[in-house]
PDB file of N, CA and C in Angstrom:
ATOM      1  N   VAL A   1     119.019  91.036  98.758  1.00  0.00           N
ATOM      2  CA  VAL A   1     118.445  90.685 100.035  1.00  0.00           C
ATOM      3  C   VAL A   1     118.679  91.805 101.044  1.00  0.00           C
ATOM      4  N   LYS A   2     119.807  92.472 100.942  1.00  0.00           N
ATOM      5  CA  LYS A   2     120.099  93.564 101.878  1.00  0.00           C
ATOM      6  C   LYS A   2     119.093  94.702 101.724  1.00  0.00           C
ATOM      7  N   HIS A   3     118.757  95.003 100.490  1.00  0.00           N
ATOM      8  CA  HIS A   3     117.809  96.096 100.267  1.00  0.00           C
ATOM      9  C   HIS A   3     116.401  95.702 100.695  1.00  0.00           C
ATOM     10  N   ALA A   4     116.034  94.466 100.492  1.00  0.00           N
ATOM     11  CA  ALA A   4     114.720  94.006 100.950  1.00  0.00           C
ATOM     12  C   ALA A   4     114.647  94.065 102.470  1.00  0.00           C
ATOM     13  N   PHE A   5     115.725  93.684 103.135  1.00  0.00           N
ATOM     14  CA  PHE A   5     115.757  93.782 104.586  1.00  0.00           C
ATOM     15  C   PHE A   5     115.621  95.229 105.027  1.00  0.00           C
ATOM     16  N   ALA A   6     116.338  96.129 104.348  1.00  0.00           N
ATOM     17  CA  ALA A   6     116.284  97.543 104.725  1.00  0.00           C
ATOM     18  C   ALA A   6     114.888  98.108 104.532  1.00  0.00           C
ATOM     19  N   VAL A   7     114.247  97.767 103.452  1.00  0.00           N
ATOM     20  CA  VAL A   7     112.951  98.355 103.143  1.00  0.00           C
ATOM     21  C   VAL A   7     111.851  97.812 104.043  1.00  0.00           C
ATOM     22  N   TYR A   8     111.859  96.528 104.310  1.00  0.00           N
ATOM     23  CA  TYR A   8     110.751  95.921 105.043  1.00  0.00           C
ATOM     24  C   TYR A   8     111.024  95.778 106.537  1.00  0.00           C
ATOM     25  N   MET A   9     112.205  95.306 106.900  1.00  0.00           N
ATOM     26  CA  MET A   9     112.454  94.961 108.291  1.00  0.00           C
ATOM     27  C   MET A   9     112.997  96.110 109.138  1.00  0.00           C
ATOM     28  N   LEU A  10     113.780  96.991 108.552  1.00  0.00           N
ATOM     29  CA  LEU A  10     114.391  98.060 109.340  1.00  0.00           C
ATOM     30  C   LEU A  10     113.350  98.974 109.987  1.00  0.00           C
ATOM     31  N   PRO A  11     112.344  99.460 109.261  1.00  0.00           N
ATOM     32  CA  PRO A  11     111.331 100.288 109.946  1.00  0.00           C
ATOM     33  C   PRO A  11     110.584  99.525 111.037  1.00  0.00           C
ATOM     34  N   LEU A  12     110.296  98.263 110.784  1.00  0.00           N
ATOM     35  CA  LEU A  12     109.589  97.466 111.789  1.00  0.00           C
ATOM     36  C   LEU A  12     110.452  97.257 113.034  1.00  0.00           C
ATOM     37  N   LEU A  13     111.709  96.902 112.839  1.00  0.00           N
ATOM     38  CA  LEU A  13     112.597  96.671 113.978  1.00  0.00           C
ATOM     39  C   LEU A  13     112.845  97.947 114.773  1.00  0.00           C
ATOM     40  N   LEU A  14     113.074  99.051 114.077  1.00  0.00           N
ATOM     41  CA  LEU A  14     113.290 100.310 114.788  1.00  0.00           C
ATOM     42  C   LEU A  14     112.039 100.748 115.530  1.00  0.00           C
ATOM     43  N   SER A  15     110.884 100.477 114.957  1.00  0.00           N
ATOM     44  CA  SER A  15     109.630 100.801 115.638  1.00  0.00           C
ATOM     45  C   SER A  15     109.519 100.019 116.943  1.00  0.00           C
ATOM     46  N   LEU A  16     109.822  98.735 116.893  1.00  0.00           N
ATOM     47  CA  LEU A  16     109.769  97.910 118.101  1.00  0.00           C
ATOM     48  C   LEU A  16     110.824  98.323 119.128  1.00  0.00           C
ATOM     49  N   VAL A  17     112.020  98.634 118.666  1.00  0.00           N
ATOM     50  CA  VAL A  17     113.090  99.043 119.579  1.00  0.00           C
ATOM     51  C   VAL A  17     112.741 100.361 120.258  1.00  0.00           C
ATOM     52  N   PHE A  18     112.259 101.334 119.501  1.00  0.00           N
ATOM     53  CA  PHE A  18     111.897 102.626 120.085  1.00  0.00           C
ATOM     54  C   PHE A  18     110.774 102.462 121.107  1.00  0.00           C
ATOM     55  N   ALA A  19     109.775 101.633 120.803  1.00  0.00           N
ATOM     56  CA  ALA A  19     108.677 101.410 121.745  1.00  0.00           C
ATOM     57  C   ALA A  19     109.185 100.701 122.998  1.00  0.00           C
ATOM     58  N   PHE A  20     110.076  99.733 122.841  1.00  0.00           N
ATOM     59  CA  PHE A  20     110.626  99.014 123.983  1.00  0.00           C
ATOM     60  C   PHE A  20     111.447  99.938 124.873  1.00  0.00           C
ATOM     61  N   VAL A  21     112.267 100.779 124.245  1.00  0.00           N
ATOM     62  CA  VAL A  21     113.083 101.722 125.018  1.00  0.00           C
ATOM     63  C   VAL A  21     112.188 102.700 125.763  1.00  0.00           C
ATOM     64  N   ALA A  22     111.151 103.183 125.110  1.00  0.00           N
ATOM     65  CA  ALA A  22     110.233 104.114 125.772  1.00  0.00           C
ATOM     66  C   ALA A  22     109.530 103.449 126.947  1.00  0.00           C
ATOM     67  N   ALA A  23     109.209 102.183 126.805  1.00  0.00           N
ATOM     68  CA  ALA A  23     108.495 101.482 127.869  1.00  0.00           C
ATOM     69  C   ALA A  23     109.414 101.113 129.034  1.00  0.00           C
ATOM     70  N   GLN A  24     110.602 100.606 128.728  1.00  0.00           N
ATOM     71  CA  GLN A  24     111.460 100.074 129.779  1.00  0.00           C
ATOM     72  C   GLN A  24     112.389 101.121 130.400  1.00  0.00           C
ATOM     73  N   LEU A  25     113.035 101.924 129.571  1.00  0.00           N
ATOM     74  CA  LEU A  25     114.002 102.880 130.113  1.00  0.00           C
ATOM     75  C   LEU A  25     113.345 104.169 130.605  1.00  0.00           C
ATOM     76  N   PHE A  26     112.415 104.676 129.822  1.00  0.00           N
ATOM     77  CA  PHE A  26     111.797 105.955 130.188  1.00  0.00           C
ATOM     78  C   PHE A  26     110.501 105.775 130.972  1.00  0.00           C
ATOM     79  N   ILE A  27     110.033 104.540 131.101  1.00  0.00           N
ATOM     80  CA  ILE A  27     108.786 104.209 131.796  1.00  0.00           C
ATOM     81  C   ILE A  27     107.680 105.177 131.358  1.00  0.00           C
ATOM     82  N   ALA A  28     107.496 105.240 130.073  1.00  0.00           N
ATOM     83  CA  ALA A  28     106.524 106.158 129.479  1.00  0.00           C
ATOM     84  C   ALA A  28     105.143 105.509 129.460  1.00  0.00           C
ATOM     85  N   SER A  29     104.137 106.355 129.375  1.00  0.00           N
ATOM     86  CA  SER A  29     102.772 105.843 129.277  1.00  0.00           C
ATOM     87  C   SER A  29     102.539 105.268 127.880  1.00  0.00           C
ATOM     88  N   GLU A  30     101.374 104.653 127.700  1.00  0.00           N
ATOM     89  CA  GLU A  30     101.083 103.974 126.440  1.00  0.00           C
ATOM     90  C   GLU A  30     101.076 104.935 125.251  1.00  0.00           C
ATOM     91  N   GLY A  31     100.557 106.113 125.432  1.00  0.00           N
ATOM     92  CA  GLY A  31     100.532 107.105 124.345  1.00  0.00           C
ATOM     93  C   GLY A  31     101.922 107.472 123.864  1.00  0.00           C
ATOM     94  N   TRP A  32     102.848 107.659 124.829  1.00  0.00           N
ATOM     95  CA  TRP A  32     104.224 107.982 124.451  1.00  0.00           C
ATOM     96  C   TRP A  32     104.915 106.795 123.799  1.00  0.00           C
ATOM     97  N   GLN A  33     104.559 105.592 124.197  1.00  0.00           N
ATOM     98  CA  GLN A  33     105.121 104.402 123.561  1.00  0.00           C
ATOM     99  C   GLN A  33     104.681 104.302 122.103  1.00  0.00           C
ATOM    100  N   ILE A  34     103.412 104.613 121.860  1.00  0.00           N
ATOM    101  CA  ILE A  34     102.904 104.597 120.472  1.00  0.00           C
ATOM    102  C   ILE A  34     103.599 105.664 119.653  1.00  0.00           C
ATOM    103  N   LEU A  35     103.786 106.837 120.233  1.00  0.00           N
ATOM    104  CA  LEU A  35     104.486 107.915 119.525  1.00  0.00           C
ATOM    105  C   LEU A  35     105.936 107.534 119.254  1.00  0.00           C
ATOM    106  N   ALA A  36     106.592 106.887 120.223  1.00  0.00           N
ATOM    107  CA  ALA A  36     107.977 106.438 120.029  1.00  0.00           C
ATOM    108  C   ALA A  36     108.050 105.384 118.934  1.00  0.00           C
ATOM    109  N   ALA A  37     107.068 104.470 118.886  1.00  0.00           N
ATOM    110  CA  ALA A  37     107.043 103.449 117.840  1.00  0.00           C
ATOM    111  C   ALA A  37     106.877 104.087 116.462  1.00  0.00           C
ATOM    112  N   ALA A  38     106.011 105.088 116.364  1.00  0.00           N
ATOM    113  CA  ALA A  38     105.824 105.788 115.086  1.00  0.00           C
ATOM    114  C   ALA A  38     107.106 106.521 114.685  1.00  0.00           C
ATOM    115  N   LEU A  39     107.761 107.134 115.645  1.00  0.00           N
ATOM    116  CA  LEU A  39     109.024 107.827 115.364  1.00  0.00           C
ATOM    117  C   LEU A  39     110.098 106.840 114.909  1.00  0.00           C
ATOM    118  N   GLY A  40     110.138 105.662 115.522  1.00  0.00           N
ATOM    119  CA  GLY A  40     111.091 104.625 115.112  1.00  0.00           C
ATOM    120  C   GLY A  40     110.801 104.129 113.704  1.00  0.00           C
ATOM    121  N   GLY A  41     109.529 103.973 113.369  1.00  0.00           N
ATOM    122  CA  GLY A  41     109.164 103.547 112.018  1.00  0.00           C
ATOM    123  C   GLY A  41     109.556 104.568 110.968  1.00  0.00           C
ATOM    124  N   VAL A  42     109.318 105.834 111.269  1.00  0.00           N
ATOM    125  CA  VAL A  42     109.686 106.903 110.321  1.00  0.00           C
ATOM    126  C   VAL A  42     111.205 106.987 110.178  1.00  0.00           C
ATOM    127  N   THR A  43     111.911 106.849 111.293  1.00  0.00           N
ATOM    128  CA  THR A  43     113.376 106.857 111.240  1.00  0.00           C
ATOM    129  C   THR A  43     113.894 105.691 110.393  1.00  0.00           C
ATOM    130  N   GLY A  44     113.331 104.519 110.593  1.00  0.00           N
ATOM    131  CA  GLY A  44     113.722 103.357 109.795  1.00  0.00           C
ATOM    132  C   GLY A  44     113.409 103.541 108.325  1.00  0.00           C
ATOM    133  N   PHE A  45     112.281 104.197 108.033  1.00  0.00           N
ATOM    134  CA  PHE A  45     111.920 104.462 106.637  1.00  0.00           C
ATOM    135  C   PHE A  45     112.955 105.354 105.970  1.00  0.00           C
ATOM    136  N   PHE A  46     113.375 106.418 106.651  1.00  0.00           N
ATOM    137  CA  PHE A  46     114.341 107.330 106.038  1.00  0.00           C
ATOM    138  C   PHE A  46     115.729 106.700 105.914  1.00  0.00           C
ATOM    139  N   ILE A  47     116.107 105.862 106.871  1.00  0.00           N
ATOM    140  CA  ILE A  47     117.380 105.154 106.744  1.00  0.00           C
ATOM    141  C   ILE A  47     117.326 104.190 105.557  1.00  0.00           C
ATOM    142  N   ALA A  48     116.219 103.471 105.420  1.00  0.00           N
ATOM    143  CA  ALA A  48     116.061 102.537 104.303  1.00  0.00           C
ATOM    144  C   ALA A  48     116.042 103.287 102.978  1.00  0.00           C
ATOM    145  N   LYS A  49     115.422 104.451 102.963  1.00  0.00           N
ATOM    146  CA  LYS A  49     115.352 105.239 101.731  1.00  0.00           C
ATOM    147  C   LYS A  49     116.744 105.668 101.273  1.00  0.00           C
ATOM    148  N   THR A  50     117.595 106.061 102.206  1.00  0.00           N
ATOM    149  CA  THR A  50     118.952 106.457 101.815  1.00  0.00           C
ATOM    150  C   THR A  50     119.783 105.252 101.391  1.00  0.00           C
ATOM    151  N   ARG A  51     119.559 104.083 102.003  1.00  0.00           N
ATOM    152  CA  ARG A  51     120.303 102.878 101.614  1.00  0.00           C
ATOM    153  C   ARG A  51     119.912 102.388 100.229  1.00  0.00           C
ATOM    154  N   VAL A  52     118.641 102.468  99.899  1.00  0.00           N
ATOM    155  CA  VAL A  52     118.156 101.932  98.629  1.00  0.00           C
ATOM    156  C   VAL A  52     118.552 102.842  97.463  1.00  0.00           C
ATOM    157  N   LYS A  53     118.854 104.100  97.739  1.00  0.00           N
ATOM    158  CA  LYS A  53     119.291 104.992  96.665  1.00  0.00           C
ATOM    159  C   LYS A  53     120.573 104.499  96.013  1.00  0.00           C
ATOM    160  N   SER A  54     121.368 103.747  96.758  1.00  0.00           N
ATOM    161  CA  SER A  54     122.626 103.241  96.201  1.00  0.00           C
ATOM    162  C   SER A  54     122.407 102.054  95.273  1.00  0.00           C
ATOM    163  N   LEU A  55     121.198 101.527  95.235  1.00  0.00           N
ATOM    164  CA  LEU A  55     120.890 100.385  94.380  1.00  0.00           C
ATOM    165  C   LEU A  55     120.862 100.824  92.925  1.00  0.00           C
ATOM    166  N   LYS A  56     121.576 100.110  92.103  1.00  0.00           N
ATOM    167  CA  LYS A  56     121.588 100.409  90.673  1.00  0.00           C
ATOM    168  C   LYS A  56     120.798  99.329  89.959  1.00  0.00           C
ATOM    169  N   HIS A  57     119.876  99.752  89.148  1.00  0.00           N
ATOM    170  CA  HIS A  57     119.033  98.813  88.423  1.00  0.00           C
ATOM    171  C   HIS A  57     119.673  98.500  87.077  1.00  0.00           C
ATOM    172  N   ASP A  58     120.195  97.303  86.938  1.00  0.00           N
ATOM    173  CA  ASP A  58     120.736  96.843  85.666  1.00  0.00           C
ATOM    174  C   ASP A  58     119.735  95.868  85.063  1.00  0.00           C
ATOM    175  N   ILE A  59     118.826  96.415  84.315  1.00  0.00           N
ATOM    176  CA  ILE A  59     117.806  95.585  83.684  1.00  0.00           C
ATOM    177  C   ILE A  59     118.131  95.503  82.202  1.00  0.00           C
ATOM    178  N   LYS A  60     118.311  94.293  81.728  1.00  0.00           N
ATOM    179  CA  LYS A  60     118.592  94.083  80.313  1.00  0.00           C
ATOM    180  C   LYS A  60     117.398  93.383  79.697  1.00  0.00           C
ATOM    181  N   VAL A  61     116.880  93.963  78.655  1.00  0.00           N
ATOM    182  CA  VAL A  61     115.731  93.398  77.961  1.00  0.00           C
ATOM    183  C   VAL A  61     116.243  92.602  76.768  1.00  0.00           C
ATOM    184  N   ILE A  62     115.878  91.355  76.735  1.00  0.00           N
ATOM    185  CA  ILE A  62     116.272  90.491  75.628  1.00  0.00           C
ATOM    186  C   ILE A  62     115.010  90.145  74.853  1.00  0.00           C
ATOM    187  N   LYS A  63     115.048  90.436  73.577  1.00  0.00           N
ATOM    188  CA  LYS A  63     113.897  90.149  72.740  1.00  0.00           C
ATOM    189  C   LYS A  63     114.008  88.729  72.206  1.00  0.00           C
ATOM    190  N   ILE A  64     112.989  87.946  72.437  1.00  0.00           N
ATOM    191  CA  ILE A  64     112.987  86.558  71.996  1.00  0.00           C
ATOM    192  C   ILE A  64     111.945  86.411  70.899  1.00  0.00           C
ATOM    193  N   HIS A  65     112.393  85.965  69.752  1.00  0.00           N
ATOM    194  CA  HIS A  65     111.491  85.745  68.625  1.00  0.00           C
ATOM    195  C   HIS A  65     111.193  84.255  68.524  1.00  0.00           C
ATOM    196  N   PRO A  66     109.946  83.885  68.528  1.00  0.00           N
ATOM    197  CA  PRO A  66     109.630  82.456  68.442  1.00  0.00           C
ATOM    198  C   PRO A  66     109.949  81.905  67.058  1.00  0.00           C
ATOM    199  N   ILE A  67     110.364  80.677  67.039  1.00  0.00           N
ATOM    200  CA  ILE A  67     110.621  80.002  65.771  1.00  0.00           C
ATOM    201  C   ILE A  67     109.280  79.485  65.279  1.00  0.00           C
ATOM    202  N   SER A  68     108.892  79.947  64.121  1.00  0.00           N
ATOM    203  CA  SER A  68     107.584  79.524  63.611  1.00  0.00           C
ATOM    204  C   SER A  68     107.763  78.438  62.558  1.00  0.00           C
ATOM    205  N   ILE A  69     106.912  77.466  62.631  1.00  0.00           N
ATOM    206  CA  ILE A  69     106.925  76.373  61.665  1.00  0.00           C
ATOM    207  C   ILE A  69     105.949  76.743  60.563  1.00  0.00           C
ATOM    208  N   PRO A  70     106.373  76.619  59.307  1.00  0.00           N
ATOM    209  CA  PRO A  70     105.446  76.981  58.234  1.00  0.00           C
ATOM    210  C   PRO A  70     104.240  76.042  58.234  1.00  0.00           C
ATOM    211  N   LEU A  71     103.086  76.632  58.064  1.00  0.00           N
ATOM    212  CA  LEU A  71     101.853  75.843  58.060  1.00  0.00           C
ATOM    213  C   LEU A  71     101.621  75.273  56.660  1.00  0.00           C
ATOM    214  N   THR A  72     101.713  73.974  56.555  1.00  0.00           N
ATOM    215  CA  THR A  72     101.433  73.283  55.301  1.00  0.00           C
ATOM    216  C   THR A  72     100.449  72.171  55.582  1.00  0.00           C
ATOM    217  N   GLN A  73      99.608  71.927  54.617  1.00  0.00           N
ATOM    218  CA  GLN A  73      98.620  70.881  54.810  1.00  0.00           C
ATOM    219  C   GLN A  73      99.251  69.535  54.511  1.00  0.00           C
ATOM    220  N   ILE A  74      99.008  68.622  55.424  1.00  0.00           N
ATOM    221  CA  ILE A  74      99.523  67.264  55.244  1.00  0.00           C
ATOM    222  C   ILE A  74      98.394  66.409  54.706  1.00  0.00           C
ATOM    223  N   ASP A  75      98.737  65.544  53.761  1.00  0.00           N
ATOM    224  CA  ASP A  75      97.697  64.667  53.174  1.00  0.00           C
ATOM    225  C   ASP A  75      97.079  63.816  54.266  1.00  0.00           C
ATOM    226  N   GLY A  76      95.790  63.744  54.297  1.00  0.00           N
ATOM    227  CA  GLY A  76      95.077  62.940  55.264  1.00  0.00           C
ATOM    228  C   GLY A  76      94.474  63.776  56.392  1.00  0.00           C
ATOM    229  N   ASP A  77      94.774  65.050  56.429  1.00  0.00           N
ATOM    230  CA  ASP A  77      94.203  65.911  57.480  1.00  0.00           C
ATOM    231  C   ASP A  77      92.930  66.575  57.005  1.00  0.00           C
TER     232      ASP A  77
END
């Protein structure tokens, strides 16, 4: 769940925070707010990318063989 949060939510949240800071603290125009939001998204992407590198994929493949019933003709079929 932590990695899913990092990959999906962190860029979105940082984008919103950067745009909010640009709008409220720096009183920037709309163009600068959009640029700040894009910069926040890219920053969040790179932070998420470094966090997800620590994820280790332990995938174990288990082969399942079906139990087959021998086909024999039953009288009356």
